[in-house]
């Protein structure tokens, strides 16, 4: 028997259910990762490239 993960290439497969729960409760579960805005965009006028933003 080996210690290989049950999902090939996903070293965090054990934590995936918790990540999914956090993503759903935070409103960031649609697959855009850090580019997901609160409530999926209606408060920002649509999609925003959050990752590309910088501080002056």
Protein backbone atom coordinates (compact mmCIF):
# COMPACT_ATOMS: atom_id res chain seq x y z
CA UNK A 1 0.00 0.00 0.00
CA UNK A 2 1.20 3.52 -0.80
CA UNK A 3 0.58 6.95 0.71
CA UNK A 4 -0.35 8.45 -2.66
CA UNK A 5 -3.20 10.99 -2.59
CA UNK A 6 -6.61 9.78 -3.68
CA UNK A 7 -6.79 12.53 -6.32
CA UNK A 8 -3.71 12.60 -8.54
CA UNK A 9 -1.77 15.85 -8.27
CA UNK A 10 -3.83 17.33 -5.41
CA UNK A 11 -1.64 17.29 -2.32
CA UNK A 12 -4.42 19.02 -0.34
CA UNK A 13 -7.16 16.47 -1.15
CA UNK A 14 -7.70 15.76 2.56
CA UNK A 15 -8.54 19.43 3.19
CA UNK A 16 -10.64 19.94 0.04
CA UNK A 17 -14.04 19.57 1.84
CA UNK A 18 -13.05 22.30 4.32
CA UNK A 19 -11.80 24.56 1.50
CA UNK A 20 -15.10 24.05 -0.32
CA UNK A 21 -17.09 24.94 2.80
CA UNK A 22 -15.05 28.11 3.39
CA UNK A 23 -15.36 29.11 -0.27
CA UNK A 24 -19.11 28.65 -0.24
CA UNK A 25 -19.61 30.58 2.99
CA UNK A 26 -17.36 33.43 1.81
CA UNK A 27 -18.98 33.58 -1.60
CA UNK A 28 -15.80 32.59 -3.42
CA UNK A 29 -16.73 29.16 -4.73
CA UNK A 30 -17.23 29.84 -8.45
CA UNK A 31 -13.66 29.05 -9.42
CA UNK A 32 -12.17 32.52 -9.80
CA UNK A 33 -10.06 32.18 -6.66
CA UNK A 34 -8.68 35.48 -5.41
CA UNK A 35 -10.44 37.35 -8.23
CA UNK A 36 -13.87 36.60 -6.75
CA UNK A 37 -15.62 39.68 -5.43
CA UNK A 38 -18.15 39.72 -2.63
CA UNK A 39 -21.54 38.39 -3.75
CA UNK A 40 -20.07 37.68 -7.23
CA UNK A 41 -19.89 41.25 -8.53
CA UNK A 42 -23.16 43.23 -8.26
CA UNK A 43 -21.57 45.68 -5.80
CA UNK A 44 -18.56 46.33 -8.04
CA UNK A 45 -20.39 46.65 -11.35
CA UNK A 46 -19.33 43.17 -12.52
CA UNK A 47 -16.08 41.26 -12.69
CA UNK A 48 -12.98 43.02 -11.38
CA UNK A 49 -9.36 41.95 -11.83
CA UNK A 50 -8.52 42.05 -8.11
CA UNK A 51 -5.23 40.20 -8.49
CA UNK A 52 -3.95 42.80 -10.95
CA UNK A 53 -4.67 45.75 -8.64
CA UNK A 54 -1.83 47.52 -6.85
CA UNK A 55 -1.50 50.15 -4.14
CA UNK A 56 0.08 53.48 -5.00
